[in-house]
Structure formats: C-alpha cells, structure tokens
Amino acid sequence: LARSAGELDELGARISDAAVAGASPLDYAGLLANDLEAAALSLRPGIREALDALREVGAEVALVTGSGPTAYGLFADLAAADRAASELAPRWAGAIVTAPEAFL
C-alpha cells in the first residue's frame, strides 16, 4: 500500500497522542483509515451496503474492521448510536451499540 514505516509511525503517534489527551475519535476522524478496506470491498461488495446504511442513519465515520467483514460507525454520543441502530433496516437488525466504559 506504499505507506512507509515513518508515515505509519507518525500517524500512530498522532492518534495515540489524541487518544491519551482524551479526544473523541471524531476529533481525529481524518486520521482514521483502514488500508484493508478496499481489499475487503473488492472481495465482499456487500460490505459497502453496510457502510452506506451506517452513514444514512447518521454515522459521522463508517469503516471496516480489520480485513472485514464487520462494519462500524462512530456517532457523537450513545443516544445518537441507539437512535441510529433503531433506524437501520431490518437487514441490519443484529447491530450492536456500545461505548467506552466511561460512557455507559
């Protein structure tokens, strides 16, 4: 994917610094990426439907975990995530809403 070790180290440090400072992942959403997402989508195009569904119900960020096929969305707060889960089409009825322990 042509990312140098230096670039990966810098991105990792920026994400780590933001997380340690207590920032929400939404504050550094531009740093969130999954280099395996394109490969996962090429093998399982249906994953795109899950990402689109998350965005349609208000996810500020929607990504694929690891090499897929799980998709997740980030929301401003737990209430927004709960609302979004209830608005998802029946196809996505297995959606799980969770938050860091501090927010539960």
PDB file of N, CA and C in Angstrom:
ATOM      1  N   LEU A   1       0.814  -1.194   0.000  1.00  0.00           N
ATOM      2  CA  LEU A   1       0.000   0.000   0.000  1.00  0.00           C
ATOM      3  C   LEU A   1       0.855   1.254   0.000  1.00  0.00           C
ATOM      4  N   ALA A   2       2.146   1.043  -0.027  1.00  0.00           N
ATOM      5  CA  ALA A   2       3.100   2.138  -0.199  1.00  0.00           C
ATOM      6  C   ALA A   2       3.126   3.130   0.956  1.00  0.00           C
ATOM      7  N   ARG A   3       2.774   2.714   2.134  1.00  0.00           N
ATOM      8  CA  ARG A   3       2.948   3.591   3.298  1.00  0.00           C
ATOM      9  C   ARG A   3       4.285   3.247   3.918  1.00  0.00           C
ATOM     10  N   SER A   4       5.082   4.238   4.090  1.00  0.00           N
ATOM     11  CA  SER A   4       6.394   3.987   4.679  1.00  0.00           C
ATOM     12  C   SER A   4       6.261   3.759   6.183  1.00  0.00           C
ATOM     13  N   ALA A   5       7.269   3.143   6.746  1.00  0.00           N
ATOM     14  CA  ALA A   5       7.281   2.918   8.193  1.00  0.00           C
ATOM     15  C   ALA A   5       7.225   4.252   8.923  1.00  0.00           C
ATOM     16  N   GLY A   6       7.896   5.258   8.398  1.00  0.00           N
ATOM     17  CA  GLY A   6       7.882   6.581   9.017  1.00  0.00           C
ATOM     18  C   GLY A   6       6.488   7.194   9.022  1.00  0.00           C
ATOM     19  N   GLU A   7       5.770   7.072   7.904  1.00  0.00           N
ATOM     20  CA  GLU A   7       4.412   7.606   7.825  1.00  0.00           C
ATOM     21  C   GLU A   7       3.497   6.887   8.812  1.00  0.00           C
ATOM     22  N   LEU A   8       3.615   5.578   8.867  1.00  0.00           N
ATOM     23  CA  LEU A   8       2.793   4.816   9.799  1.00  0.00           C
ATOM     24  C   LEU A   8       3.115   5.186  11.249  1.00  0.00           C
ATOM     25  N   ASP A   9       4.391   5.363  11.543  1.00  0.00           N
ATOM     26  CA  ASP A   9       4.789   5.763  12.897  1.00  0.00           C
ATOM     27  C   ASP A   9       4.206   7.131  13.251  1.00  0.00           C
ATOM     28  N   GLU A  10       4.274   8.068  12.296  1.00  0.00           N
ATOM     29  CA  GLU A  10       3.748   9.409  12.558  1.00  0.00           C
ATOM     30  C   GLU A  10       2.239   9.384  12.780  1.00  0.00           C
ATOM     31  N   LEU A  11       1.517   8.657  11.932  1.00  0.00           N
ATOM     32  CA  LEU A  11       0.069   8.547  12.095  1.00  0.00           C
ATOM     33  C   LEU A  11      -0.280   7.883  13.425  1.00  0.00           C
ATOM     34  N   GLY A  12       0.443   6.834  13.759  1.00  0.00           N
ATOM     35  CA  GLY A  12       0.206   6.144  15.027  1.00  0.00           C
ATOM     36  C   GLY A  12       0.431   7.058  16.216  1.00  0.00           C
ATOM     37  N   ALA A  13       1.493   7.855  16.151  1.00  0.00           N
ATOM     38  CA  ALA A  13       1.795   8.790  17.244  1.00  0.00           C
ATOM     39  C   ALA A  13       0.708   9.856  17.363  1.00  0.00           C
ATOM     40  N   ARG A  14       0.228  10.361  16.240  1.00  0.00           N
ATOM     41  CA  ARG A  14      -0.818  11.388  16.279  1.00  0.00           C
ATOM     42  C   ARG A  14      -2.118  10.837  16.866  1.00  0.00           C
ATOM     43  N   ILE A  15      -2.475   9.630  16.473  1.00  0.00           N
ATOM     44  CA  ILE A  15      -3.685   9.003  17.018  1.00  0.00           C
ATOM     45  C   ILE A  15      -3.501   8.732  18.506  1.00  0.00           C
ATOM     46  N   SER A  16      -2.363   8.208  18.861  1.00  0.00           N
ATOM     47  CA  SER A  16      -2.087   7.907  20.267  1.00  0.00           C
ATOM     48  C   SER A  16      -2.121   9.171  21.120  1.00  0.00           C
ATOM     49  N   ASP A  17      -1.488  10.224  20.649  1.00  0.00           N
ATOM     50  CA  ASP A  17      -1.473  11.492  21.394  1.00  0.00           C
ATOM     51  C   ASP A  17      -2.897  12.017  21.600  1.00  0.00           C
ATOM     52  N   ALA A  18      -3.711  11.948  20.563  1.00  0.00           N
ATOM     53  CA  ALA A  18      -5.086  12.442  20.670  1.00  0.00           C
ATOM     54  C   ALA A  18      -5.891  11.588  21.646  1.00  0.00           C
ATOM     55  N   ALA A  19      -5.720  10.285  21.571  1.00  0.00           N
ATOM     56  CA  ALA A  19      -6.463   9.396  22.462  1.00  0.00           C
ATOM     57  C   ALA A  19      -6.036   9.589  23.911  1.00  0.00           C
ATOM     58  N   VAL A  20      -4.739   9.710  24.144  1.00  0.00           N
ATOM     59  CA  VAL A  20      -4.232   9.912  25.510  1.00  0.00           C
ATOM     60  C   VAL A  20      -4.732  11.241  26.069  1.00  0.00           C
ATOM     61  N   ALA A  21      -4.897  12.232  25.210  1.00  0.00           N
ATOM     62  CA  ALA A  21      -5.387  13.543  25.643  1.00  0.00           C
ATOM     63  C   ALA A  21      -6.893  13.521  25.907  1.00  0.00           C
ATOM     64  N   GLY A  22      -7.536  12.394  25.636  1.00  0.00           N
ATOM     65  CA  GLY A  22      -8.966  12.278  25.893  1.00  0.00           C
ATOM     66  C   GLY A  22      -9.849  12.726  24.756  1.00  0.00           C
ATOM     67  N   ALA A  23      -9.280  12.937  23.585  1.00  0.00           N
ATOM     68  CA  ALA A  23     -10.078  13.374  22.436  1.00  0.00           C
ATOM     69  C   ALA A  23     -10.998  12.249  21.972  1.00  0.00           C
ATOM     70  N   SER A  24     -12.130  12.640  21.455  1.00  0.00           N
ATOM     71  CA  SER A  24     -13.039  11.688  20.830  1.00  0.00           C
ATOM     72  C   SER A  24     -12.439  11.268  19.493  1.00  0.00           C
ATOM     73  N   PRO A  25     -12.633  10.033  19.080  1.00  0.00           N
ATOM     74  CA  PRO A  25     -12.173   9.646  17.739  1.00  0.00           C
ATOM     75  C   PRO A  25     -12.737  10.544  16.648  1.00  0.00           C
ATOM     76  N   LEU A  26     -13.885  11.165  16.902  1.00  0.00           N
ATOM     77  CA  LEU A  26     -14.443  12.077  15.912  1.00  0.00           C
ATOM     78  C   LEU A  26     -13.585  13.325  15.762  1.00  0.00           C
ATOM     79  N   ASP A  27     -12.806  13.653  16.802  1.00  0.00           N
ATOM     80  CA  ASP A  27     -11.914  14.807  16.719  1.00  0.00           C
ATOM     81  C   ASP A  27     -10.723  14.550  15.802  1.00  0.00           C
ATOM     82  N   TYR A  28     -10.393  13.284  15.597  1.00  0.00           N
ATOM     83  CA  TYR A  28      -9.279  12.954  14.706  1.00  0.00           C
ATOM     84  C   TYR A  28      -9.734  11.969  13.622  1.00  0.00           C
ATOM     85  N   ALA A  29     -10.975  12.149  13.195  1.00  0.00           N
ATOM     86  CA  ALA A  29     -11.567  11.259  12.196  1.00  0.00           C
ATOM     87  C   ALA A  29     -10.744  11.207  10.905  1.00  0.00           C
ATOM     88  N   GLY A  30     -10.089  12.297  10.564  1.00  0.00           N
ATOM     89  CA  GLY A  30      -9.270  12.324   9.355  1.00  0.00           C
ATOM     90  C   GLY A  30      -8.086  11.381   9.405  1.00  0.00           C
ATOM     91  N   LEU A  31      -7.727  10.954  10.605  1.00  0.00           N
ATOM     92  CA  LEU A  31      -6.613  10.023  10.756  1.00  0.00           C
ATOM     93  C   LEU A  31      -7.069   8.565  10.731  1.00  0.00           C
ATOM     94  N   LEU A  32      -8.372   8.361  10.822  1.00  0.00           N
ATOM     95  CA  LEU A  32      -8.899   7.002  10.876  1.00  0.00           C
ATOM     96  C   LEU A  32      -9.057   6.443   9.473  1.00  0.00           C
ATOM     97  N   ALA A  33      -8.396   5.361   9.230  1.00  0.00           N
ATOM     98  CA  ALA A  33      -8.466   4.712   7.921  1.00  0.00           C
ATOM     99  C   ALA A  33      -8.129   3.245   8.103  1.00  0.00           C
ATOM    100  N   ASN A  34      -8.604   2.441   7.195  1.00  0.00           N
ATOM    101  CA  ASN A  34      -8.284   1.028   7.196  1.00  0.00           C
ATOM    102  C   ASN A  34      -7.736   0.700   5.819  1.00  0.00           C
ATOM    103  N   ASP A  35      -6.460   0.434   5.756  1.00  0.00           N
ATOM    104  CA  ASP A  35      -5.823   0.147   4.472  1.00  0.00           C
ATOM    105  C   ASP A  35      -6.338  -1.140   3.836  1.00  0.00           C
ATOM    106  N   LEU A  36      -6.991  -1.992   4.619  1.00  0.00           N
ATOM    107  CA  LEU A  36      -7.525  -3.235   4.075  1.00  0.00           C
ATOM    108  C   LEU A  36      -8.957  -3.092   3.559  1.00  0.00           C
ATOM    109  N   GLU A  37      -9.558  -1.920   3.772  1.00  0.00           N
ATOM    110  CA  GLU A  37     -10.954  -1.745   3.390  1.00  0.00           C
ATOM    111  C   GLU A  37     -11.170  -1.968   1.892  1.00  0.00           C
ATOM    112  N   ALA A  38     -10.327  -1.419   1.067  1.00  0.00           N
ATOM    113  CA  ALA A  38     -10.509  -1.580  -0.386  1.00  0.00           C
ATOM    114  C   ALA A  38     -10.458  -3.051  -0.778  1.00  0.00           C
ATOM    115  N   ALA A  39      -9.545  -3.799  -0.182  1.00  0.00           N
ATOM    116  CA  ALA A  39      -9.454  -5.229  -0.492  1.00  0.00           C
ATOM    117  C   ALA A  39     -10.703  -5.956  -0.016  1.00  0.00           C
ATOM    118  N   ALA A  40     -11.175  -5.622   1.190  1.00  0.00           N
ATOM    119  CA  ALA A  40     -12.391  -6.256   1.714  1.00  0.00           C
ATOM    120  C   ALA A  40     -13.582  -5.967   0.814  1.00  0.00           C
ATOM    121  N   LEU A  41     -13.698  -4.716   0.362  1.00  0.00           N
ATOM    122  CA  LEU A  41     -14.812  -4.344  -0.516  1.00  0.00           C
ATOM    123  C   LEU A  41     -14.719  -5.041  -1.867  1.00  0.00           C
ATOM    124  N   SER A  42     -13.498  -5.259  -2.344  1.00  0.00           N
ATOM    125  CA  SER A  42     -13.364  -5.939  -3.636  1.00  0.00           C
ATOM    126  C   SER A  42     -13.785  -7.399  -3.537  1.00  0.00           C
ATOM    127  N   LEU A  43     -13.575  -8.000  -2.387  1.00  0.00           N
ATOM    128  CA  LEU A  43     -13.944  -9.397  -2.193  1.00  0.00           C
ATOM    129  C   LEU A  43     -15.400  -9.564  -1.758  1.00  0.00           C
ATOM    130  N   ARG A  44     -15.900  -8.597  -1.019  1.00  0.00           N
ATOM    131  CA  ARG A  44     -17.270  -8.655  -0.475  1.00  0.00           C
ATOM    132  C   ARG A  44     -17.952  -7.314  -0.701  1.00  0.00           C
ATOM    133  N   PRO A  45     -18.415  -7.037  -1.910  1.00  0.00           N
ATOM    134  CA  PRO A  45     -19.032  -5.744  -2.208  1.00  0.00           C
ATOM    135  C   PRO A  45     -20.208  -5.399  -1.297  1.00  0.00           C
ATOM    136  N   GLY A  46     -20.845  -6.392  -0.704  1.00  0.00           N
ATOM    137  CA  GLY A  46     -21.962  -6.143   0.193  1.00  0.00           C
ATOM    138  C   GLY A  46     -21.578  -5.347   1.425  1.00  0.00           C
ATOM    139  N   ILE A  47     -20.310  -5.329   1.765  1.00  0.00           N
ATOM    140  CA  ILE A  47     -19.855  -4.548   2.912  1.00  0.00           C
ATOM    141  C   ILE A  47     -20.160  -3.071   2.683  1.00  0.00           C
ATOM    142  N   ARG A  48     -20.066  -2.639   1.433  1.00  0.00           N
ATOM    143  CA  ARG A  48     -20.354  -1.235   1.109  1.00  0.00           C
ATOM    144  C   ARG A  48     -21.786  -0.877   1.505  1.00  0.00           C
ATOM    145  N   GLU A  49     -22.703  -1.823   1.351  1.00  0.00           N
ATOM    146  CA  GLU A  49     -24.090  -1.577   1.740  1.00  0.00           C
ATOM    147  C   GLU A  49     -24.185  -1.311   3.244  1.00  0.00           C
ATOM    148  N   ALA A  50     -23.421  -2.049   4.023  1.00  0.00           N
ATOM    149  CA  ALA A  50     -23.423  -1.826   5.471  1.00  0.00           C
ATOM    150  C   ALA A  50     -22.838  -0.457   5.805  1.00  0.00           C
ATOM    151  N   LEU A  51     -21.757  -0.079   5.147  1.00  0.00           N
ATOM    152  CA  LEU A  51     -21.161   1.237   5.381  1.00  0.00           C
ATOM    153  C   LEU A  51     -22.135   2.347   4.988  1.00  0.00           C
ATOM    154  N   ASP A  52     -22.785   2.180   3.847  1.00  0.00           N
ATOM    155  CA  ASP A  52     -23.764   3.175   3.401  1.00  0.00           C
ATOM    156  C   ASP A  52     -24.931   3.275   4.389  1.00  0.00           C
ATOM    157  N   ALA A  53     -25.396   2.130   4.892  1.00  0.00           N
ATOM    158  CA  ALA A  53     -26.505   2.134   5.848  1.00  0.00           C
ATOM    159  C   ALA A  53     -26.112   2.884   7.115  1.00  0.00           C
ATOM    160  N   LEU A  54     -24.890   2.692   7.585  1.00  0.00           N
ATOM    161  CA  LEU A  54     -24.428   3.410   8.776  1.00  0.00           C
ATOM    162  C   LEU A  54     -24.406   4.909   8.525  1.00  0.00           C
ATOM    163  N   ARG A  55     -23.917   5.308   7.370  1.00  0.00           N
ATOM    164  CA  ARG A  55     -23.870   6.742   7.054  1.00  0.00           C
ATOM    165  C   ARG A  55     -25.282   7.320   6.933  1.00  0.00           C
ATOM    166  N   GLU A  56     -26.187   6.549   6.344  1.00  0.00           N
ATOM    167  CA  GLU A  56     -27.567   7.028   6.154  1.00  0.00           C
ATOM    168  C   GLU A  56     -28.277   7.291   7.480  1.00  0.00           C
ATOM    169  N   VAL A  57     -27.895   6.562   8.538  1.00  0.00           N
ATOM    170  CA  VAL A  57     -28.540   6.781   9.840  1.00  0.00           C
ATOM    171  C   VAL A  57     -27.719   7.696  10.737  1.00  0.00           C
ATOM    172  N   GLY A  58     -26.700   8.349  10.155  1.00  0.00           N
ATOM    173  CA  GLY A  58     -26.006   9.399  10.882  1.00  0.00           C
ATOM    174  C   GLY A  58     -24.613   9.131  11.380  1.00  0.00           C
ATOM    175  N   ALA A  59     -24.013   8.007  11.020  1.00  0.00           N
ATOM    176  CA  ALA A  59     -22.632   7.767  11.447  1.00  0.00           C
ATOM    177  C   ALA A  59     -21.732   8.860  10.875  1.00  0.00           C
ATOM    178  N   GLU A  60     -20.951   9.472  11.726  1.00  0.00           N
ATOM    179  CA  GLU A  60     -20.025  10.501  11.262  1.00  0.00           C
ATOM    180  C   GLU A  60     -18.817   9.877  10.588  1.00  0.00           C
ATOM    181  N   VAL A  61     -18.502   8.657  10.988  1.00  0.00           N
ATOM    182  CA  VAL A  61     -17.436   7.869  10.384  1.00  0.00           C
ATOM    183  C   VAL A  61     -17.955   6.448  10.266  1.00  0.00           C
ATOM    184  N   ALA A  62     -17.728   5.798   9.134  1.00  0.00           N
ATOM    185  CA  ALA A  62     -18.071   4.392   8.947  1.00  0.00           C
ATOM    186  C   ALA A  62     -16.869   3.714   8.317  1.00  0.00           C
ATOM    187  N   LEU A  63     -16.414   2.645   8.940  1.00  0.00           N
ATOM    188  CA  LEU A  63     -15.228   1.930   8.474  1.00  0.00           C
ATOM    189  C   LEU A  63     -15.434   0.430   8.598  1.00  0.00           C
ATOM    190  N   VAL A  64     -14.525  -0.304   8.000  1.00  0.00           N
ATOM    191  CA  VAL A  64     -14.482  -1.755   8.103  1.00  0.00           C
ATOM    192  C   VAL A  64     -13.431  -2.098   9.157  1.00  0.00           C
ATOM    193  N   THR A  65     -13.755  -3.073  10.003  1.00  0.00           N
ATOM    194  CA  THR A  65     -12.765  -3.507  10.984  1.00  0.00           C
ATOM    195  C   THR A  65     -11.797  -4.487  10.347  1.00  0.00           C
ATOM    196  N   GLY A  66     -10.541  -4.352  10.666  1.00  0.00           N
ATOM    197  CA  GLY A  66      -9.536  -5.288  10.168  1.00  0.00           C
ATOM    198  C   GLY A  66      -9.673  -5.543   8.685  1.00  0.00           C
ATOM    199  N   SER A  67      -9.739  -6.832   8.334  1.00  0.00           N
ATOM    200  CA  SER A  67      -9.899  -7.189   6.928  1.00  0.00           C
ATOM    201  C   SER A  67     -11.357  -7.468   6.590  1.00  0.00           C
ATOM    202  N   GLY A  68     -12.277  -7.046   7.471  1.00  0.00           N
ATOM    203  CA  GLY A  68     -13.701  -7.196   7.245  1.00  0.00           C
ATOM    204  C   GLY A  68     -14.175  -8.531   7.786  1.00  0.00           C
ATOM    205  N   PRO A  69     -15.442  -8.841   7.684  1.00  0.00           N
ATOM    206  CA  PRO A  69     -16.486  -8.103   7.025  1.00  0.00           C
ATOM    207  C   PRO A  69     -17.298  -7.202   7.953  1.00  0.00           C
ATOM    208  N   THR A  70     -16.833  -6.986   9.166  1.00  0.00           N
ATOM    209  CA  THR A  70     -17.598  -6.177  10.102  1.00  0.00           C
ATOM    210  C   THR A  70     -17.421  -4.692   9.808  1.00  0.00           C
ATOM    211  N   ALA A  71     -18.545  -3.978   9.787  1.00  0.00           N
ATOM    212  CA  ALA A  71     -18.533  -2.531   9.591  1.00  0.00           C
ATOM    213  C   ALA A  71     -18.969  -1.879  10.896  1.00  0.00           C
ATOM    214  N   TYR A  72     -18.432  -0.694  11.147  1.00  0.00           N
ATOM    215  CA  TYR A  72     -18.835   0.030  12.352  1.00  0.00           C
ATOM    216  C   TYR A  72     -18.961   1.508  12.041  1.00  0.00           C
ATOM    217  N   GLY A  73     -19.781   2.164  12.859  1.00  0.00           N
ATOM    218  CA  GLY A  73     -19.970   3.598  12.715  1.00  0.00           C
ATOM    219  C   GLY A  73     -19.661   4.292  14.021  1.00  0.00           C
ATOM    220  N   LEU A  74     -19.172   5.504  13.915  1.00  0.00           N
ATOM    221  CA  LEU A  74     -18.923   6.337  15.081  1.00  0.00           C
ATOM    222  C   LEU A  74     -19.967   7.438  15.115  1.00  0.00           C
ATOM    223  N   PHE A  75     -20.530   7.637  16.291  1.00  0.00           N
ATOM    224  CA  PHE A  75     -21.586   8.625  16.487  1.00  0.00           C
ATOM    225  C   PHE A  75     -21.172   9.592  17.585  1.00  0.00           C
ATOM    226  N   ALA A  76     -21.810  10.741  17.617  1.00  0.00           N
ATOM    227  CA  ALA A  76     -21.442  11.788  18.571  1.00  0.00           C
ATOM    228  C   ALA A  76     -21.621  11.341  20.017  1.00  0.00           C
ATOM    229  N   ASP A  77     -22.630  10.518  20.268  1.00  0.00           N
ATOM    230  CA  ASP A  77     -22.850  10.054  21.637  1.00  0.00           C
ATOM    231  C   ASP A  77     -23.662   8.768  21.596  1.00  0.00           C
ATOM    232  N   LEU A  78     -23.844   8.176  22.780  1.00  0.00           N
ATOM    233  CA  LEU A  78     -24.545   6.901  22.874  1.00  0.00           C
ATOM    234  C   LEU A  78     -26.001   7.020  22.434  1.00  0.00           C
ATOM    235  N   ALA A  79     -26.648   8.128  22.753  1.00  0.00           N
ATOM    236  CA  ALA A  79     -28.046   8.319  22.342  1.00  0.00           C
ATOM    237  C   ALA A  79     -28.166   8.324  20.819  1.00  0.00           C
ATOM    238  N   ALA A  80     -27.236   8.980  20.148  1.00  0.00           N
ATOM    239  CA  ALA A  80     -27.260   9.014  18.677  1.00  0.00           C
ATOM    240  C   ALA A  80     -27.041   7.618  18.112  1.00  0.00           C
ATOM    241  N   ALA A  81     -26.161   6.862  18.730  1.00  0.00           N
ATOM    242  CA  ALA A  81     -25.914   5.491  18.271  1.00  0.00           C
ATOM    243  C   ALA A  81     -27.145   4.620  18.478  1.00  0.00           C
ATOM    244  N   ASP A  82     -27.810   4.763  19.629  1.00  0.00           N
ATOM    245  CA  ASP A  82     -29.035   3.999  19.884  1.00  0.00           C
ATOM    246  C   ASP A  82     -30.118   4.343  18.865  1.00  0.00           C
ATOM    247  N   ARG A  83     -30.273   5.635  18.605  1.00  0.00           N
ATOM    248  CA  ARG A  83     -31.267   6.073  17.610  1.00  0.00           C
ATOM    249  C   ARG A  83     -30.948   5.472  16.247  1.00  0.00           C
ATOM    250  N   ALA A  84     -29.689   5.544  15.876  1.00  0.00           N
ATOM    251  CA  ALA A  84     -29.275   5.035  14.571  1.00  0.00           C
ATOM    252  C   ALA A  84     -29.551   3.537  14.459  1.00  0.00           C
ATOM    253  N   ALA A  85     -29.232   2.787  15.498  1.00  0.00           N
ATOM    254  CA  ALA A  85     -29.466   1.339  15.460  1.00  0.00           C
ATOM    255  C   ALA A  85     -30.942   1.033  15.259  1.00  0.00           C
ATOM    256  N   SER A  86     -31.799   1.831  15.880  1.00  0.00           N
ATOM    257  CA  SER A  86     -33.236   1.591  15.736  1.00  0.00           C
ATOM    258  C   SER A  86     -33.750   1.994  14.357  1.00  0.00           C
ATOM    259  N   GLU A  87     -33.017   2.836  13.661  1.00  0.00           N
ATOM    260  CA  GLU A  87     -33.421   3.296  12.327  1.00  0.00           C
ATOM    261  C   GLU A  87     -32.886   2.423  11.201  1.00  0.00           C
ATOM    262  N   LEU A  88     -31.965   1.527  11.525  1.00  0.00           N
ATOM    263  CA  LEU A  88     -31.415   0.658  10.490  1.00  0.00           C
ATOM    264  C   LEU A  88     -32.494  -0.279   9.954  1.00  0.00           C
ATOM    265  N   ALA A  89     -32.384  -0.610   8.693  1.00  0.00           N
ATOM    266  CA  ALA A  89     -33.320  -1.539   8.066  1.00  0.00           C
ATOM    267  C   ALA A  89     -33.244  -2.898   8.764  1.00  0.00           C
ATOM    268  N   PRO A  90     -34.322  -3.679   8.694  1.00  0.00           N
ATOM    269  CA  PRO A  90     -34.342  -4.991   9.343  1.00  0.00           C
ATOM    270  C   PRO A  90     -33.154  -5.878   8.963  1.00  0.00           C
ATOM    271  N   ARG A  91     -32.633  -5.681   7.777  1.00  0.00           N
ATOM    272  CA  ARG A  91     -31.468  -6.468   7.353  1.00  0.00           C
ATOM    273  C   ARG A  91     -30.316  -6.342   8.338  1.00  0.00           C
ATOM    274  N   TRP A  92     -30.227  -5.196   9.006  1.00  0.00           N
ATOM    275  CA  TRP A  92     -29.122  -4.923   9.930  1.00  0.00           C
ATOM    276  C   TRP A  92     -29.577  -5.037  11.386  1.00  0.00           C
ATOM    277  N   ALA A  93     -30.600  -5.843  11.623  1.00  0.00           N
ATOM    278  CA  ALA A  93     -31.181  -5.966  12.967  1.00  0.00           C
ATOM    279  C   ALA A  93     -30.179  -6.474  14.006  1.00  0.00           C
ATOM    280  N   GLY A  94     -29.090  -7.054  13.596  1.00  0.00           N
ATOM    281  CA  GLY A  94     -28.092  -7.559  14.529  1.00  0.00           C
ATOM    282  C   GLY A  94     -27.090  -6.518  14.976  1.00  0.00           C
ATOM    283  N   ALA A  95     -27.327  -5.253  14.651  1.00  0.00           N
ATOM    284  CA  ALA A  95     -26.387  -4.193  15.012  1.00  0.00           C
ATOM    285  C   ALA A  95     -26.223  -4.123  16.530  1.00  0.00           C
ATOM    286  N   ILE A  96     -25.017  -3.884  16.955  1.00  0.00           N
ATOM    287  CA  ILE A  96     -24.684  -3.785  18.377  1.00  0.00           C
ATOM    288  C   ILE A  96     -24.256  -2.353  18.663  1.00  0.00           C
ATOM    289  N   VAL A  97     -24.789  -1.787  19.722  1.00  0.00           N
ATOM    290  CA  VAL A  97     -24.391  -0.443  20.145  1.00  0.00           C
ATOM    291  C   VAL A  97     -23.550  -0.591  21.399  1.00  0.00           C
ATOM    292  N   THR A  98     -22.408   0.052  21.395  1.00  0.00           N
ATOM    293  CA  THR A  98     -21.529   0.012  22.555  1.00  0.00           C
ATOM    294  C   THR A  98     -20.811   1.342  22.681  1.00  0.00           C
ATOM    295  N   ALA A  99     -20.205   1.543  23.835  1.00  0.00           N
ATOM    296  CA  ALA A  99     -19.465   2.773  24.094  1.00  0.00           C
ATOM    297  C   ALA A  99     -18.323   2.436  25.044  1.00  0.00           C
ATOM    298  N   PRO A 100     -17.326   3.301  25.095  1.00  0.00           N
ATOM    299  CA  PRO A 100     -16.281   3.076  26.106  1.00  0.00           C
ATOM    300  C   PRO A 100     -16.932   3.003  27.482  1.00  0.00           C
ATOM    301  N   GLU A 101     -16.379   2.219  28.365  1.00  0.00           N
ATOM    302  CA  GLU A 101     -16.960   2.013  29.689  1.00  0.00           C
ATOM    303  C   GLU A 101     -17.283   3.316  30.397  1.00  0.00           C
ATOM    304  N   ALA A 102     -16.482   4.342  30.191  1.00  0.00           N
ATOM    305  CA  ALA A 102     -16.710   5.625  30.848  1.00  0.00           C
ATOM    306  C   ALA A 102     -18.033   6.259  30.450  1.00  0.00           C
ATOM    307  N   PHE A 103     -18.573   5.875  29.310  1.00  0.00           N
ATOM    308  CA  PHE A 103     -19.805   6.488  28.818  1.00  0.00           C
ATOM    309  C   PHE A 103     -21.040   5.651  29.086  1.00  0.00           C
ATOM    310  N   LEU A 104     -20.874   4.463  29.587  1.00  0.00           N
ATOM    311  CA  LEU A 104     -22.025   3.577  29.822  1.00  0.00           C
ATOM    312  C   LEU A 104     -22.708   3.915  31.131  1.00  0.00           C
TER     313      LEU A 104
END
